[in-house]
Amino acid sequence: GFAIAFQPMNVGLLIVGCTVGLIVGAMPGLGSINGVALMLPMTFLVPPGSAIIFLAAIYYGAMYGGAISSIMLGIPGASTAVATVFDGRPMALQGKGDWALVTAAMASFAGGTVAVILFTLFAPPLAEVALTFGPPEMFALMLAAYATFVGLGGDDIGKTLFSICIGLVMSAVGVDILSGQPRLIFFELTGFYHGISFLVLSIAVYGIGEVLWTVEIYQADVEMAKAKFSLRGMALALRKAVGTYKAMCIGSVLGFFVGVLPAAGATPGSLMSYGVIKSLAKDRDTYGKGNINGVAAPEAANNSASTGAMLPMLTLGIPGSPTTALLLGGMMIWGLQPGPMMFV
């Protein structure tokens, strides 16, 4: 794995991917979903291994990029960076924008590193278990996934169930596998005989959702907070960031296991870690007013969750987040079928 990752072309794609992800993540409203969707066609020029590295780098870069606009503008670059605004923006307004950005960078690195270690420990056993799956186990797994959707949907269970039903109807469009009869061919359009492409649908749903979310949260009176960077300031910021190791550890572990849940992703992971770190703190009153731990915990969590979301996608073929749903579609296009057989 390291031999492939350290090939010159792959290292180059890694750097380019992280840079693109950083820029895309920092732009309010784009986020990792749109970054991966926009760059997916470019991956046909390179081998599948390089393509995975490139798209994963965009995903990882966008996770940190979201913190830049959250801290400096007060507008989350994506929904995954919402929790970073709570304390990141007040810190920037107090002239501590450099502290917040350095802490976010360190927390992102810590979250990603912890998640990779946990991924390495949990992926092979999970794939081994998945190989023994028969129809009863698959039924139980799907039932658990739907139960998770309802749990994450909050109080509005009716809306969640309605969304699940729409998804099942969409998947039924096309020609029936057993009888060969056409199903739900809207307006007799021949294109529907092929069914609705999972990739097209996921890009449309998540892309449009992200745009609507951006329109809703956009504020016209936003001002850019200034951050001054110097070697002395960076050293001080690093010392402050190291002091948040507890928040980083909690965010990393919690974010990973929330990310593993199908359809959970990094947003609930970062919000939950913020809530946990706040509830465990002795100085709860300082949260929301510029507490540095309030930046470290959600940033560690969203990077950790993004890696965690790849675990069910690779081992079970069930995406753990919207972005991994796009990665799943990409892997299918490259001729790779995610699931336990991939590990064999």
C-alpha atoms as a PDB file:
ATOM      1  CA  GLY A   1       0.000   0.000   0.000  1.00  0.00           C
ATOM      2  CA  PHE A   2       2.784   2.441   0.933  1.00  0.00           C
ATOM      3  CA  ALA A   3       4.702   1.440  -2.223  1.00  0.00           C
ATOM      4  CA  ILE A   4       1.724   2.511  -4.344  1.00  0.00           C
ATOM      5  CA  ALA A   5       0.999   5.649  -2.305  1.00  0.00           C
ATOM      6  CA  PHE A   6       4.585   6.920  -2.578  1.00  0.00           C
ATOM      7  CA  GLN A   7       4.804   6.635  -6.367  1.00  0.00           C
ATOM      8  CA  PRO A   8       5.711  10.099  -7.763  1.00  0.00           C
ATOM      9  CA  MET A   9       2.443  10.477  -9.721  1.00  0.00           C
ATOM     10  CA  ASN A  10       0.341   9.496  -6.706  1.00  0.00           C
ATOM     11  CA  VAL A  11       2.219  11.880  -4.386  1.00  0.00           C
ATOM     12  CA  GLY A  12       1.641  14.639  -6.958  1.00  0.00           C
ATOM     13  CA  LEU A  13      -2.084  13.824  -7.170  1.00  0.00           C
ATOM     14  CA  LEU A  14      -2.219  13.778  -3.366  1.00  0.00           C
ATOM     15  CA  ILE A  15      -0.780  17.314  -3.140  1.00  0.00           C
ATOM     16  CA  VAL A  16      -3.011  18.617  -5.959  1.00  0.00           C
ATOM     17  CA  GLY A  17      -6.078  16.922  -4.433  1.00  0.00           C
ATOM     18  CA  CYS A  18      -5.441  18.384  -0.957  1.00  0.00           C
ATOM     19  CA  THR A  19      -4.929  21.860  -2.471  1.00  0.00           C
ATOM     20  CA  VAL A  20      -8.120  21.632  -4.546  1.00  0.00           C
ATOM     21  CA  GLY A  21      -9.999  20.316  -1.493  1.00  0.00           C
ATOM     22  CA  LEU A  22      -8.674  23.176   0.636  1.00  0.00           C
ATOM     23  CA  ILE A  23      -9.885  25.784  -1.889  1.00  0.00           C
ATOM     24  CA  VAL A  24     -13.239  24.055  -2.464  1.00  0.00           C
ATOM     25  CA  GLY A  25     -13.793  23.610   1.298  1.00  0.00           C
ATOM     26  CA  ALA A  26     -12.988  27.257   2.025  1.00  0.00           C
ATOM     27  CA  MET A  27     -15.608  28.474  -0.481  1.00  0.00           C
ATOM     28  CA  PRO A  28     -18.954  28.701   1.337  1.00  0.00           C
ATOM     29  CA  GLY A  29     -21.463  26.297  -0.134  1.00  0.00           C
ATOM     30  CA  LEU A  30     -19.168  24.026  -2.145  1.00  0.00           C
ATOM     31  CA  GLY A  31     -17.712  21.509   0.317  1.00  0.00           C
ATOM     32  CA  SER A  32     -16.297  18.044  -0.299  1.00  0.00           C
ATOM     33  CA  ILE A  33     -19.464  16.754  -2.006  1.00  0.00           C
ATOM     34  CA  ASN A  34     -19.299  19.216  -4.889  1.00  0.00           C
ATOM     35  CA  GLY A  35     -15.476  19.057  -5.018  1.00  0.00           C
ATOM     36  CA  VAL A  36     -15.501  15.277  -5.518  1.00  0.00           C
ATOM     37  CA  ALA A  37     -18.450  15.476  -7.949  1.00  0.00           C
ATOM     38  CA  LEU A  38     -16.709  18.118 -10.103  1.00  0.00           C
ATOM     39  CA  MET A  39     -13.379  16.268 -10.177  1.00  0.00           C
ATOM     40  CA  LEU A  40     -14.800  12.757 -10.752  1.00  0.00           C
ATOM     41  CA  PRO A  41     -14.627  12.943 -14.600  1.00  0.00           C
ATOM     42  CA  MET A  42     -10.896  13.863 -14.412  1.00  0.00           C
ATOM     43  CA  THR A  43     -10.108  10.532 -12.717  1.00  0.00           C
ATOM     44  CA  PHE A  44     -10.643   8.580 -15.963  1.00  0.00           C
ATOM     45  CA  LEU A  45      -7.213   9.788 -17.108  1.00  0.00           C
ATOM     46  CA  VAL A  46      -5.368   7.864 -14.355  1.00  0.00           C
ATOM     47  CA  PRO A  47      -5.429   4.281 -12.916  1.00  0.00           C
ATOM     48  CA  PRO A  48      -8.089   3.469 -10.268  1.00  0.00           C
ATOM     49  CA  GLY A  49      -5.548   3.509  -7.389  1.00  0.00           C
ATOM     50  CA  SER A  50      -4.418   7.023  -8.312  1.00  0.00           C
ATOM     51  CA  ALA A  51      -8.042   8.120  -8.763  1.00  0.00           C
ATOM     52  CA  ILE A  52      -8.952   6.930  -5.241  1.00  0.00           C
ATOM     53  CA  ILE A  53      -5.941   8.819  -3.798  1.00  0.00           C
ATOM     54  CA  PHE A  54      -6.897  12.000  -5.692  1.00  0.00           C
ATOM     55  CA  LEU A  55     -10.561  12.004  -4.622  1.00  0.00           C
ATOM     56  CA  ALA A  56      -9.743  10.998  -1.024  1.00  0.00           C
ATOM     57  CA  ALA A  57      -7.243  13.899  -0.895  1.00  0.00           C
ATOM     58  CA  ILE A  58      -9.961  16.323  -2.053  1.00  0.00           C
ATOM     59  CA  TYR A  59     -12.278  14.925   0.651  1.00  0.00           C
ATOM     60  CA  TYR A  60      -9.603  15.317   3.342  1.00  0.00           C
ATOM     61  CA  GLY A  61      -8.541  18.809   2.186  1.00  0.00           C
ATOM     62  CA  ALA A  62     -12.136  20.037   2.085  1.00  0.00           C
ATOM     63  CA  MET A  63     -12.674  18.952   5.696  1.00  0.00           C
ATOM     64  CA  TYR A  64     -10.024  21.466   6.844  1.00  0.00           C
ATOM     65  CA  GLY A  65     -10.921  24.044   4.187  1.00  0.00           C
ATOM     66  CA  GLY A  66     -14.400  24.403   5.694  1.00  0.00           C
ATOM     67  CA  ALA A  67     -12.799  25.681   8.907  1.00  0.00           C
ATOM     68  CA  ILE A  68     -11.158  28.633   7.104  1.00  0.00           C
ATOM     69  CA  SER A  69     -14.421  30.327   6.113  1.00  0.00           C
ATOM     70  CA  SER A  70     -16.075  29.234   9.389  1.00  0.00           C
ATOM     71  CA  ILE A  71     -13.391  31.017  11.434  1.00  0.00           C
ATOM     72  CA  MET A  72     -12.607  34.004   9.204  1.00  0.00           C
ATOM     73  CA  LEU A  73     -16.084  34.742   7.803  1.00  0.00           C
ATOM     74  CA  GLY A  74     -18.463  33.076  10.220  1.00  0.00           C
ATOM     75  CA  ILE A  75     -19.983  31.176   7.277  1.00  0.00           C
ATOM     76  CA  PRO A  76     -19.371  27.396   7.321  1.00  0.00           C
ATOM     77  CA  GLY A  77     -17.644  26.252   4.135  1.00  0.00           C
ATOM     78  CA  ALA A  78     -19.839  23.151   4.353  1.00  0.00           C
ATOM     79  CA  SER A  79     -22.314  21.638   6.801  1.00  0.00           C
ATOM     80  CA  THR A  80     -19.436  19.635   8.340  1.00  0.00           C
ATOM     81  CA  ALA A  81     -17.858  22.881   9.639  1.00  0.00           C
ATOM     82  CA  VAL A  82     -20.965  24.289  11.362  1.00  0.00           C
ATOM     83  CA  ALA A  83     -19.725  23.412  14.870  1.00  0.00           C
ATOM     84  CA  THR A  84     -16.378  25.137  14.190  1.00  0.00           C
ATOM     85  CA  VAL A  85     -18.181  28.493  13.844  1.00  0.00           C
ATOM     86  CA  PHE A  86     -19.416  28.438  17.463  1.00  0.00           C
ATOM     87  CA  ASP A  87     -15.991  29.198  18.947  1.00  0.00           C
ATOM     88  CA  GLY A  88     -13.835  29.754  15.870  1.00  0.00           C
ATOM     89  CA  ARG A  89     -15.592  32.951  14.807  1.00  0.00           C
ATOM     90  CA  PRO A  90     -15.488  34.585  18.293  1.00  0.00           C
ATOM     91  CA  MET A  91     -11.740  33.756  18.463  1.00  0.00           C
ATOM     92  CA  ALA A  92     -11.171  35.471  15.100  1.00  0.00           C
ATOM     93  CA  LEU A  93     -13.087  38.559  16.239  1.00  0.00           C
ATOM     94  CA  GLN A  94     -10.871  38.665  19.356  1.00  0.00           C
ATOM     95  CA  GLY A  95      -7.765  38.761  17.130  1.00  0.00           C
ATOM     96  CA  LYS A  96      -6.957  35.073  17.678  1.00  0.00           C
ATOM     97  CA  GLY A  97      -7.745  33.907  14.149  1.00  0.00           C
ATOM     98  CA  ASP A  98      -4.237  32.443  13.755  1.00  0.00           C
ATOM     99  CA  TRP A  99      -4.681  30.407  16.969  1.00  0.00           C
ATOM    100  CA  ALA A 100      -7.988  29.034  15.701  1.00  0.00           C
ATOM    101  CA  LEU A 101      -6.623  28.151  12.235  1.00  0.00           C
ATOM    102  CA  VAL A 102      -3.490  26.438  13.610  1.00  0.00           C
ATOM    103  CA  THR A 103      -5.598  24.510  16.150  1.00  0.00           C
ATOM    104  CA  ALA A 104      -8.022  23.458  13.393  1.00  0.00           C
ATOM    105  CA  ALA A 105      -5.071  22.246  11.256  1.00  0.00           C
ATOM    106  CA  MET A 106      -3.545  20.245  14.123  1.00  0.00           C
ATOM    107  CA  ALA A 107      -6.910  18.800  15.127  1.00  0.00           C
ATOM    108  CA  SER A 108      -7.610  17.821  11.502  1.00  0.00           C
ATOM    109  CA  PHE A 109      -4.264  16.014  11.307  1.00  0.00           C
ATOM    110  CA  ALA A 110      -4.847  14.280  14.662  1.00  0.00           C
ATOM    111  CA  GLY A 111      -8.378  13.224  13.682  1.00  0.00           C
ATOM    112  CA  GLY A 112      -7.236  11.842  10.331  1.00  0.00           C
ATOM    113  CA  THR A 113      -4.303   9.954  11.863  1.00  0.00           C
ATOM    114  CA  VAL A 114      -6.365   8.354  14.663  1.00  0.00           C
ATOM    115  CA  ALA A 115      -9.059   7.392  12.139  1.00  0.00           C
ATOM    116  CA  VAL A 116      -6.517   5.675   9.842  1.00  0.00           C
ATOM    117  CA  ILE A 117      -5.244   3.599  12.795  1.00  0.00           C
ATOM    118  CA  LEU A 118      -8.804   2.628  13.793  1.00  0.00           C
ATOM    119  CA  PHE A 119      -9.672   1.930  10.141  1.00  0.00           C
ATOM    120  CA  THR A 120      -6.675  -0.421   9.837  1.00  0.00           C
ATOM    121  CA  LEU A 121      -7.800  -2.287  12.971  1.00  0.00           C
ATOM    122  CA  PHE A 122     -11.512  -2.580  12.122  1.00  0.00           C
ATOM    123  CA  ALA A 123     -11.700  -2.916   8.307  1.00  0.00           C
ATOM    124  CA  PRO A 124     -10.220  -6.445   7.808  1.00  0.00           C
ATOM    125  CA  PRO A 125     -12.319  -8.123  10.563  1.00  0.00           C
ATOM    126  CA  LEU A 126     -15.465  -6.349   9.304  1.00  0.00           C
ATOM    127  CA  ALA A 127     -14.777  -7.508   5.740  1.00  0.00           C
ATOM    128  CA  GLU A 128     -14.220 -11.059   7.018  1.00  0.00           C
ATOM    129  CA  VAL A 129     -17.566 -11.003   8.806  1.00  0.00           C
ATOM    130  CA  ALA A 130     -19.257  -9.512   5.728  1.00  0.00           C
ATOM    131  CA  LEU A 131     -18.069 -12.475   3.604  1.00  0.00           C
ATOM    132  CA  THR A 132     -20.280 -14.788   5.671  1.00  0.00           C
ATOM    133  CA  PHE A 133     -23.359 -12.614   4.997  1.00  0.00           C
ATOM    134  CA  GLY A 134     -26.333 -14.448   3.554  1.00  0.00           C
ATOM    135  CA  PRO A 135     -29.883 -13.186   2.815  1.00  0.00           C
ATOM    136  CA  PRO A 136     -30.902 -13.029   6.543  1.00  0.00           C
ATOM    137  CA  GLU A 137     -27.814 -10.986   7.456  1.00  0.00           C
ATOM    138  CA  MET A 138     -28.290  -8.642   4.471  1.00  0.00           C
ATOM    139  CA  PHE A 139     -31.925  -8.111   5.487  1.00  0.00           C
ATOM    140  CA  ALA A 140     -30.849  -7.335   9.079  1.00  0.00           C
ATOM    141  CA  LEU A 141     -28.150  -4.953   7.803  1.00  0.00           C
ATOM    142  CA  MET A 142     -30.611  -3.031   5.598  1.00  0.00           C
ATOM    143  CA  LEU A 143     -33.104  -2.887   8.458  1.00  0.00           C
ATOM    144  CA  ALA A 144     -30.363  -1.509  10.737  1.00  0.00           C
ATOM    145  CA  ALA A 145     -29.463   1.093   8.072  1.00  0.00           C
ATOM    146  CA  TYR A 146     -33.075   2.263   7.814  1.00  0.00           C
ATOM    147  CA  ALA A 147     -33.352   2.354  11.610  1.00  0.00           C
ATOM    148  CA  THR A 148     -30.214   4.533  11.624  1.00  0.00           C
ATOM    149  CA  PHE A 149     -31.802   6.899   9.089  1.00  0.00           C
ATOM    150  CA  VAL A 150     -34.865   7.279  11.315  1.00  0.00           C
ATOM    151  CA  GLY A 151     -32.657   7.862  14.376  1.00  0.00           C
ATOM    152  CA  LEU A 152     -30.620  10.542  12.605  1.00  0.00           C
ATOM    153  CA  GLY A 153     -33.744  12.166  11.206  1.00  0.00           C
ATOM    154  CA  GLY A 154     -34.564  13.542  14.659  1.00  0.00           C
ATOM    155  CA  ASP A 155     -38.164  14.169  15.656  1.00  0.00           C
ATOM    156  CA  ASP A 156     -39.515  14.312  12.093  1.00  0.00           C
ATOM    157  CA  ILE A 157     -39.850  10.539  11.605  1.00  0.00           C
ATOM    158  CA  GLY A 158     -42.607  10.938   8.990  1.00  0.00           C
ATOM    159  CA  LYS A 159     -40.345  12.980   6.701  1.00  0.00           C
ATOM    160  CA  THR A 160     -37.512  10.440   7.075  1.00  0.00           C
ATOM    161  CA  LEU A 161     -39.788   7.488   6.220  1.00  0.00           C
ATOM    162  CA  PHE A 162     -41.169   9.437   3.249  1.00  0.00           C
ATOM    163  CA  SER A 163     -37.597  10.067   2.002  1.00  0.00           C
ATOM    164  CA  ILE A 164     -36.744   6.354   2.352  1.00  0.00           C
ATOM    165  CA  CYS A 165     -39.851   5.444   0.322  1.00  0.00           C
ATOM    166  CA  ILE A 166     -38.918   7.943  -2.425  1.00  0.00           C
ATOM    167  CA  GLY A 167     -35.455   6.329  -2.605  1.00  0.00           C
ATOM    168  CA  LEU A 168     -36.969   2.827  -2.903  1.00  0.00           C
ATOM    169  CA  VAL A 169     -39.319   4.030  -5.683  1.00  0.00           C
ATOM    170  CA  MET A 170     -36.374   5.616  -7.552  1.00  0.00           C
ATOM    171  CA  SER A 171     -34.403   2.350  -7.331  1.00  0.00           C
ATOM    172  CA  ALA A 172     -37.369   0.427  -8.815  1.00  0.00           C
ATOM    173  CA  VAL A 173     -37.366   2.492 -12.053  1.00  0.00           C
ATOM    174  CA  GLY A 174     -36.197   0.458 -15.070  1.00  0.00           C
ATOM    175  CA  VAL A 175     -36.682  -3.121 -16.229  1.00  0.00           C
ATOM    176  CA  ASP A 176     -37.566  -5.821 -13.667  1.00  0.00           C
ATOM    177  CA  ILE A 177     -34.672  -8.306 -13.341  1.00  0.00           C
ATOM    178  CA  LEU A 178     -36.886 -11.413 -13.014  1.00  0.00           C
ATOM    179  CA  SER A 179     -39.829 -10.760 -15.360  1.00  0.00           C
ATOM    180  CA  GLY A 180     -38.248  -8.335 -17.830  1.00  0.00           C
ATOM    181  CA  GLN A 181     -41.264  -6.047 -17.498  1.00  0.00           C
ATOM    182  CA  PRO A 182     -40.719  -2.247 -17.521  1.00  0.00           C
ATOM    183  CA  ARG A 183     -41.391  -0.527 -14.196  1.00  0.00           C
ATOM    184  CA  LEU A 184     -42.243   3.148 -13.564  1.00  0.00           C
ATOM    185  CA  ILE A 185     -41.188   4.365 -17.043  1.00  0.00           C
ATOM    186  CA  PHE A 186     -42.262   7.994 -16.606  1.00  0.00           C
ATOM    187  CA  PHE A 187     -43.928   9.622 -19.668  1.00  0.00           C
ATOM    188  CA  GLU A 188     -42.736   6.659 -21.802  1.00  0.00           C
ATOM    189  CA  LEU A 189     -39.190   8.134 -21.905  1.00  0.00           C
ATOM    190  CA  THR A 190     -36.829   5.426 -23.169  1.00  0.00           C
ATOM    191  CA  GLY A 191     -33.955   6.702 -20.963  1.00  0.00           C
ATOM    192  CA  PHE A 192     -35.763   5.358 -17.883  1.00  0.00           C
ATOM    193  CA  TYR A 193     -35.439   1.777 -19.175  1.00  0.00           C
ATOM    194  CA  HIS A 194     -31.819   1.870 -17.949  1.00  0.00           C
ATOM    195  CA  GLY A 195     -32.994   2.917 -14.474  1.00  0.00           C
ATOM    196  CA  ILE A 196     -31.932   6.053 -12.610  1.00  0.00           C
ATOM    197  CA  SER A 197     -28.149   6.171 -12.246  1.00  0.00           C
ATOM    198  CA  PHE A 198     -27.070   6.159  -8.605  1.00  0.00           C
ATOM    199  CA  LEU A 199     -24.203   8.550  -9.365  1.00  0.00           C
ATOM    200  CA  VAL A 200     -26.384  11.106 -11.207  1.00  0.00           C
ATOM    201  CA  LEU A 201     -29.023  10.989  -8.476  1.00  0.00           C
ATOM    202  CA  SER A 202     -26.531  11.363  -5.612  1.00  0.00           C
ATOM    203  CA  ILE A 203     -24.751  14.320  -7.272  1.00  0.00           C
ATOM    204  CA  ALA A 204     -28.101  16.005  -7.956  1.00  0.00           C
ATOM    205  CA  VAL A 205     -29.567  15.418  -4.491  1.00  0.00           C
ATOM    206  CA  TYR A 206     -26.489  16.419  -2.507  1.00  0.00           C
ATOM    207  CA  GLY A 207     -25.482  19.235  -4.864  1.00  0.00           C
ATOM    208  CA  ILE A 208     -28.923  20.869  -4.865  1.00  0.00           C
ATOM    209  CA  GLY A 209     -29.252  20.321  -1.087  1.00  0.00           C
ATOM    210  CA  GLU A 210     -25.912  22.024  -0.485  1.00  0.00           C
ATOM    211  CA  VAL A 211     -26.876  25.005  -2.681  1.00  0.00           C
ATOM    212  CA  LEU A 212     -30.216  25.439  -0.886  1.00  0.00           C
ATOM    213  CA  TRP A 213     -28.466  25.175   2.502  1.00  0.00           C
ATOM    214  CA  THR A 214     -25.986  27.894   1.454  1.00  0.00           C
ATOM    215  CA  VAL A 215     -28.799  30.209   0.330  1.00  0.00           C
ATOM    216  CA  GLU A 216     -30.520  29.749   3.685  1.00  0.00           C
ATOM    217  CA  ILE A 217     -27.477  30.513   5.900  1.00  0.00           C
ATOM    218  CA  TYR A 218     -25.917  33.246   3.757  1.00  0.00           C
ATOM    219  CA  GLN A 219     -25.564  36.590   5.550  1.00  0.00           C
ATOM    220  CA  ALA A 220     -25.063  39.789   3.550  1.00  0.00           C
ATOM    221  CA  ASP A 221     -23.345  41.703   6.369  1.00  0.00           C
ATOM    222  CA  VAL A 222     -20.407  39.282   6.804  1.00  0.00           C
ATOM    223  CA  GLU A 223     -16.992  40.801   7.423  1.00  0.00           C
ATOM    224  CA  MET A 224     -13.646  39.099   6.985  1.00  0.00           C
ATOM    225  CA  ALA A 225     -11.723  38.818  10.262  1.00  0.00           C
ATOM    226  CA  LYS A 226      -8.003  39.573   9.954  1.00  0.00           C
ATOM    227  CA  ALA A 227      -5.431  36.996  11.058  1.00  0.00           C
ATOM    228  CA  LYS A 228      -1.802  38.042  11.478  1.00  0.00           C
ATOM    229  CA  PHE A 229       0.789  35.309  11.066  1.00  0.00           C
ATOM    230  CA  SER A 230       4.344  35.465  12.423  1.00  0.00           C
ATOM    231  CA  LEU A 231       6.845  32.835  13.549  1.00  0.00           C
ATOM    232  CA  ARG A 232       6.420  33.836  17.190  1.00  0.00           C
ATOM    233  CA  GLY A 233       2.646  33.854  16.859  1.00  0.00           C
ATOM    234  CA  MET A 234       2.687  30.430  15.182  1.00  0.00           C
ATOM    235  CA  ALA A 235       4.848  28.980  17.972  1.00  0.00           C
ATOM    236  CA  LEU A 236       2.417  30.362  20.565  1.00  0.00           C
ATOM    237  CA  ALA A 237      -0.554  29.039  18.578  1.00  0.00           C
ATOM    238  CA  LEU A 238       1.046  25.593  18.399  1.00  0.00           C
ATOM    239  CA  ARG A 239       1.578  25.563  22.179  1.00  0.00           C
ATOM    240  CA  LYS A 240      -2.066  26.473  22.690  1.00  0.00           C
ATOM    241  CA  ALA A 241      -3.162  23.828  20.174  1.00  0.00           C
ATOM    242  CA  VAL A 242      -1.117  21.087  21.920  1.00  0.00           C
ATOM    243  CA  GLY A 243      -3.011  21.912  25.121  1.00  0.00           C
ATOM    244  CA  THR A 244      -6.263  20.784  23.456  1.00  0.00           C
ATOM    245  CA  TYR A 245      -5.111  17.150  23.118  1.00  0.00           C
ATOM    246  CA  LYS A 246      -8.045  15.851  25.233  1.00  0.00           C
ATOM    247  CA  ALA A 247     -10.577  17.537  22.961  1.00  0.00           C
ATOM    248  CA  MET A 248      -8.744  16.181  19.908  1.00  0.00           C
ATOM    249  CA  CYS A 249      -8.748  12.613  21.290  1.00  0.00           C
ATOM    250  CA  ILE A 250     -12.455  12.701  22.176  1.00  0.00           C
ATOM    251  CA  GLY A 251     -13.349  14.269  18.810  1.00  0.00           C
ATOM    252  CA  SER A 252     -11.215  11.757  16.864  1.00  0.00           C
ATOM    253  CA  VAL A 253     -12.633   8.609  18.469  1.00  0.00           C
ATOM    254  CA  LEU A 254     -16.259   9.829  18.598  1.00  0.00           C
ATOM    255  CA  GLY A 255     -16.092  11.190  15.047  1.00  0.00           C
ATOM    256  CA  PHE A 256     -14.762   7.892  13.674  1.00  0.00           C
ATOM    257  CA  PHE A 257     -17.519   5.737  15.154  1.00  0.00           C
ATOM    258  CA  VAL A 258     -20.257   8.216  14.158  1.00  0.00           C
ATOM    259  CA  GLY A 259     -18.760   8.326  10.640  1.00  0.00           C
ATOM    260  CA  VAL A 260     -18.940   4.525  10.404  1.00  0.00           C
ATOM    261  CA  LEU A 261     -22.742   4.650  10.782  1.00  0.00           C
ATOM    262  CA  PRO A 262     -24.418   4.559   7.344  1.00  0.00           C
ATOM    263  CA  ALA A 263     -25.660   8.027   6.257  1.00  0.00           C
ATOM    264  CA  ALA A 264     -24.272   9.740   9.362  1.00  0.00           C
ATOM    265  CA  GLY A 265     -21.149  11.417   7.965  1.00  0.00           C
ATOM    266  CA  ALA A 266     -19.043  14.187   9.442  1.00  0.00           C
ATOM    267  CA  THR A 267     -21.767  16.747  10.287  1.00  0.00           C
ATOM    268  CA  PRO A 268     -23.451  14.870  13.167  1.00  0.00           C
ATOM    269  CA  GLY A 269     -19.998  13.656  14.298  1.00  0.00           C
ATOM    270  CA  SER A 270     -18.610  17.195  14.658  1.00  0.00           C
ATOM    271  CA  LEU A 271     -21.767  18.503  16.367  1.00  0.00           C
ATOM    272  CA  MET A 272     -21.847  15.557  18.786  1.00  0.00           C
ATOM    273  CA  SER A 273     -18.164  15.945  19.702  1.00  0.00           C
ATOM    274  CA  TYR A 274     -18.725  19.661  20.364  1.00  0.00           C
ATOM    275  CA  GLY A 275     -21.653  18.785  22.640  1.00  0.00           C
ATOM    276  CA  VAL A 276     -19.665  16.099  24.481  1.00  0.00           C
ATOM    277  CA  ILE A 277     -16.581  18.282  25.049  1.00  0.00           C
ATOM    278  CA  LYS A 278     -18.762  21.121  26.279  1.00  0.00           C
ATOM    279  CA  SER A 279     -20.695  18.889  28.683  1.00  0.00           C
ATOM    280  CA  LEU A 280     -17.418  17.484  30.115  1.00  0.00           C
ATOM    281  CA  ALA A 281     -15.801  20.925  30.553  1.00  0.00           C
ATOM    282  CA  LYS A 282     -15.631  22.798  33.855  1.00  0.00           C
ATOM    283  CA  ASP A 283     -15.787  26.177  32.102  1.00  0.00           C
ATOM    284  CA  ARG A 284     -18.946  25.606  30.049  1.00  0.00           C
ATOM    285  CA  ASP A 285     -19.795  29.307  30.061  1.00  0.00           C
ATOM    286  CA  THR A 286     -16.748  30.080  27.885  1.00  0.00           C
ATOM    287  CA  TYR A 287     -17.998  27.877  25.031  1.00  0.00           C
ATOM    288  CA  GLY A 288     -19.511  29.930  22.239  1.00  0.00           C
ATOM    289  CA  LYS A 289     -17.340  32.879  23.281  1.00  0.00           C
ATOM    290  CA  GLY A 290     -13.972  31.721  21.918  1.00  0.00           C
ATOM    291  CA  ASN A 291     -12.891  28.540  23.734  1.00  0.00           C
ATOM    292  CA  ILE A 292     -10.069  26.877  21.780  1.00  0.00           C
ATOM    293  CA  ASN A 293     -11.329  23.365  22.681  1.00  0.00           C
ATOM    294  CA  GLY A 294     -14.543  24.237  20.837  1.00  0.00           C
ATOM    295  CA  VAL A 295     -12.463  24.441  17.633  1.00  0.00           C
ATOM    296  CA  ALA A 296     -10.269  21.374  18.262  1.00  0.00           C
ATOM    297  CA  ALA A 297     -13.049  18.841  19.032  1.00  0.00           C
ATOM    298  CA  PRO A 298     -15.298  19.357  15.962  1.00  0.00           C
ATOM    299  CA  GLU A 299     -12.330  19.693  13.579  1.00  0.00           C
ATOM    300  CA  ALA A 300     -10.802  16.427  14.821  1.00  0.00           C
ATOM    301  CA  ALA A 301     -14.232  14.791  14.587  1.00  0.00           C
ATOM    302  CA  ASN A 302     -15.074  15.823  11.020  1.00  0.00           C
ATOM    303  CA  ASN A 303     -11.712  14.598   9.659  1.00  0.00           C
ATOM    304  CA  SER A 304     -11.994  11.375  11.642  1.00  0.00           C
ATOM    305  CA  ALA A 305     -15.592  10.840  10.491  1.00  0.00           C
ATOM    306  CA  SER A 306     -14.621  11.324   6.846  1.00  0.00           C
ATOM    307  CA  THR A 307     -12.175   8.395   7.135  1.00  0.00           C
ATOM    308  CA  GLY A 308     -14.662   6.386   9.196  1.00  0.00           C
ATOM    309  CA  ALA A 309     -17.306   6.840   6.491  1.00  0.00           C
ATOM    310  CA  MET A 310     -15.063   4.958   4.054  1.00  0.00           C
ATOM    311  CA  LEU A 311     -15.098   1.828   6.237  1.00  0.00           C
ATOM    312  CA  PRO A 312     -18.695   0.682   5.496  1.00  0.00           C
ATOM    313  CA  MET A 313     -18.293   1.876   1.880  1.00  0.00           C
ATOM    314  CA  LEU A 314     -15.258  -0.332   1.228  1.00  0.00           C
ATOM    315  CA  THR A 315     -16.173  -3.343   3.386  1.00  0.00           C
ATOM    316  CA  LEU A 316     -19.970  -3.520   2.920  1.00  0.00           C
ATOM    317  CA  GLY A 317     -20.622  -1.365  -0.155  1.00  0.00           C
ATOM    318  CA  ILE A 318     -22.776   0.995   1.940  1.00  0.00           C
ATOM    319  CA  PRO A 319     -21.602   4.646   1.864  1.00  0.00           C
ATOM    320  CA  GLY A 320     -21.179   6.247   5.284  1.00  0.00           C
ATOM    321  CA  SER A 321     -21.605   9.841   4.025  1.00  0.00           C
ATOM    322  CA  PRO A 322     -22.768  11.781   0.929  1.00  0.00           C
ATOM    323  CA  THR A 323     -19.176  12.150  -0.321  1.00  0.00           C
ATOM    324  CA  THR A 324     -18.436   8.429   0.032  1.00  0.00           C
ATOM    325  CA  ALA A 325     -21.644   7.795  -1.949  1.00  0.00           C
ATOM    326  CA  LEU A 326     -19.971   9.650  -4.836  1.00  0.00           C
ATOM    327  CA  LEU A 327     -16.728   7.706  -4.256  1.00  0.00           C
ATOM    328  CA  LEU A 328     -18.779   4.489  -4.401  1.00  0.00           C
ATOM    329  CA  GLY A 329     -20.204   5.547  -7.775  1.00  0.00           C
ATOM    330  CA  GLY A 330     -16.702   6.440  -8.978  1.00  0.00           C
ATOM    331  CA  MET A 331     -15.315   3.041  -7.968  1.00  0.00           C
ATOM    332  CA  MET A 332     -18.120   1.296  -9.852  1.00  0.00           C
ATOM    333  CA  ILE A 333     -17.277   3.339 -12.969  1.00  0.00           C
ATOM    334  CA  TRP A 334     -13.592   2.298 -12.641  1.00  0.00           C
ATOM    335  CA  GLY A 335     -14.688  -1.340 -12.541  1.00  0.00           C
ATOM    336  CA  LEU A 336     -14.227  -1.878  -8.799  1.00  0.00           C
ATOM    337  CA  GLN A 337     -17.080  -3.353  -6.770  1.00  0.00           C
ATOM    338  CA  PRO A 338     -16.793  -2.157  -3.148  1.00  0.00           C
ATOM    339  CA  GLY A 339     -17.586  -4.868  -0.637  1.00  0.00           C
ATOM    340  CA  PRO A 340     -15.932  -7.752   1.215  1.00  0.00           C
ATOM    341  CA  MET A 341     -14.724  -9.382  -2.041  1.00  0.00           C
ATOM    342  CA  MET A 342     -12.515  -6.370  -2.687  1.00  0.00           C
ATOM    343  CA  PHE A 343     -10.457  -7.362   0.369  1.00  0.00           C
ATOM    344  CA  VAL A 344     -10.106 -10.894  -0.990  1.00  0.00           C
END
